[in-house]
Each structure stands twice: as structure tokens, then as C-alpha cells.
Amino acid sequence: MSTGDYTKELSVIEGKPLLRDLDELISKPLETKPDKKFYIALSITLSMLGMLVIGLGLTFYYGIGMWGNNNPVGWAFGIVNFVFWVGIGHAGTLISAILFLFRQKWRTGIARFAEGMTIFAVFTAGLFPLIHVGRPWLGGYLFPYPNQHSLWVNFTSPLLWDVFAVSTYLTVSLIFWYVGLIPDLAILREKATSKIKKVIYSTFSLGWRFSNRHWQNYEMVYLILAGFATPLVLSVHTIVSFDFAVSIIPGWHTTIFPPYFVAGAVFSGFAMVQNVLIIVRKIFNYEHIITIDTLEKMNKIMLLTGSMVGYGYAMELFISWYSGVEAEQFTFLNRALGPYAWAYWTMITCNVISPQLFWFKKIRRAVPVMFVIAIFVNIGMWFERFVIIVTSLSRDFLPSSWAHFTPTYVDVMILIGSFGFFFTWILLFTKALPVVSMVEVKAVVDGAQPTHKEH
């Protein structure tokens, strides 16, 4: 049966499709050779990844001086990118864990892909602290193991808290993602015709037999992991915000940062998931699995979190005015009217104004429009981190120490290359593993669950 026949037969997920056909459609990208479009996309992402390799090579050879960092702007693109990519990783756990606990069926078509994006985003984020320290080969000293040199890390530093928070988040996300994959790997094991594939799927499916006992254990473990992962969504970006909030730099020293950062992380994460899912559903003919209704619900969450971010911006202005601290008041005036005003108003336009279009149902359900708005959101959220970090550091308490930050070509190459690194993982994921959970989608198909009371 051709892909077109599948699309006709499975026009909507509620239309009682044959479960066997769902398996065939979801596993089809894994069983067919990559086409020309895939190689074109891979060549683009690898070209971007090459820029990252060149940028890192120049950084390792010549040092951090190749970046635009100066005194007092010691943090710049490296930490901006780190906070941005950690934020992108939040939507996966939110979609999978929290919506699973609330028994939201609409998550089933997008949860697997969101989980994968979480892991790849955290991989990308992890690059930047390592290269920002200047000597990444000494990164092992971040781990608090005893040694004869009596070298102990500073446990009172929020930068070390980041190490524990992000590594814990990555570990739990990986386990959560893998456990969800086990039944699908067993299905692929049964379908595999190649001996190599059969061995690989058999190994990683851990002897899954679709028995009642296996399902009971699986559902219990998945529920426990979901419950364990849920507080991590809140804790990880809260701890990232402490990097700034515990300092005395004007514009950073505020208690609003933890909820403000978490809302922004979910906001940008959902935008990135939506962007990539729109492309995936078109390429693999998943329109009946990743439905317009699902995308509309994602847009509603983006509208909610975008409004929360806008409220956070307003409260920052109010707090700086109400504090009566001259340095705080100047910082926010400088953001809006100073040399980086262009970045500030780009942030406001993309993060506060553009998501308000989602109040209109036609726009919430128009795929091209939501795609563009989500791109604007990601641009705006990157600029939010840029504005927070650079404007506060470039003009602090002493006018005599002010300096303007200008990114170098190496900064830009590493930024573009980080997107290449992320999207290369995404492309490889689409050809190596099912991007939609077969067992979860089949569980919510109309008629799959018993409806009689005695059952």
C-alpha cells in the first residue's frame, strides 16, 4: 500500500484505522532508504555543524579572546546560547511527563519527538559551559570526588548547581525516553527482515514479549519516571536563573527570575517542538496523527506562557521603579532606550506581541502562520537572554567601567553551528527510531479501549 493510500485510509486518528496500518506508516521512514530531500537537509545541517567545528577549533587554538567578550562583559554569547538551549529542552518533559500525569490524550502523537528534542537540546546546551571555561579538558574537576590535591569545588556557587541540575535532568530524560521506546522496539524487532536490525532491536527491547506482566511493569515504571521528571521541569531552569538572581548585578538581582525563566523555557520549547513537528508531519504524512487539534492546543499553551513572559517583563519594570534603587531604574531604562534598544524591542515584539495573534482561532489553526509565529518566538527568546545578560554587564554601577559588546564572527559561527548540531541529531533520529510512539497512538485510536462497564 502506498503512502497516499495510508493517508486516505487514516484521514483522522479517531477514524478507527487498522492498528497494523499505523505500525506500517510510523515505521516506514525507518524501512525505506533516505530520499534526496533527506540528503539535502542533512548536507545543510552538516554545513552548519562544520561552522561549529571551525569556531571551536579557533577558540581552542587561540583562546576565548576570539569571542567578543570583554571587561566587563565576561558572559556573552556562550551563556546566552546555554540558557537558550536548556530552555528548548523543557517542552519535551512537559509534554511527556506532565501531560501524561494529567492523562491528556493529545500528547500521544508528539510526545516521543518532544522527548528526543529534549535530549538533543540538552546535548547542545552542554557544549557551552565546557567551552566557556577556557580549559574544557579540566571539566572533570566539576565533579566532587575526593583527591589528594584537596581541590574541592565551590558548593555555594549556582554554577555548580547547574552541573547537578542539568546532568540529573539529562539522565532522567534519557531513561524516560528509552523506557517509552521499549514496546516500539519490540514491534520493530518483529518486523525486521535484516539480521543486523533484528539483533539491535532484540537487544534494546530487553526481551519484551507484550505479556500482561510486561505491560503492568512498564506502565508502573513509566508513571514513576513521569512523576520524578515533572519537578525537574521546574527545578532545572529555576537553578539556571539562580546564576543571575543570586548576584548583585543591576537587572539580575530579583526574585522574579525563577518563575519568569521557567515560563520562558516552556514558551521557547513549545515553539521549537511545533516548528519541527510541522515539517515532520508534512514529510512523513503524519497529518492524521499530529493533527491540527494537537497543534492548536500547543498554540494555546504558547499563548498562555507568552502572556506570562509578558507579565514578567512588566513586573521587572515595576519592581525596578518601586525599588527606588537608581542603578536598577537606569538598567531597565537603558535596555529600552540605550545602545541595545533594538534587541530589547525585538524581544518585546517577538515574545509579547506576536503570540497574541493566537487569540484568533483561524490563526491558531493556520499551519503556515503558526509556523512563522513560532520562529519569531524562538528569535525573541534568544534575544531575551541576550538582553538580560549583555545589557546588565555592559553598564553596571561604575560608568568608568562601561564597555560595548560586539559579537565576533567566531561567536556567530558557534551560534549557527549549535543549530546545525541540534538539527543533525533530529535528522538522524527520524531515520533511526520511530518519531511517533506506536503503542501510545494505538491506545487512543477510537475503539481501541473497551467501552463496556463490565470491562
Foldseek 3Di string as FASTA:
>chain_A
DDLVVLCVQLVALQPPHDLVSLLCLLCVLQVDDDDPVLVVVLVVLVVLLVLQVVLLVCCLVVHPVLWLADVPQLDFLLLLLLLLLQLLLLQQLCLQQVCVVVVPLLSQFFNLLSLLLNLLSLVLSVVRVLSSVRHNVPVVQLDADDDPVPRGDDPVALVSVLVVLSVVLNVLSVVLSLLLQLVVLVVCLVVDPDPVSVVVSCVSNVNDDPDPVVVVVSVVVNNVSSVVNVVSLQPNQLSVLCNQCVDPQQLNVDPLRSVLSSLLSNLLNLLVSLLVVLVVCVVSVVCNSNDLVSLLVSLVSNLVSLVVNVVSLVVQQVCLVVVPDPQNNVLVVCCCPNPPVVLVVLLCCLRHVLSVVSVDVVQSSDSVNSNVSSVSSSSNSSSVSNSSSQSRSQDTDDPVRHDHGDTHPSSVSSSSSSVSSSVSSSSVCSNNGRSGRSVSSCCPHNPSDDDDPVD
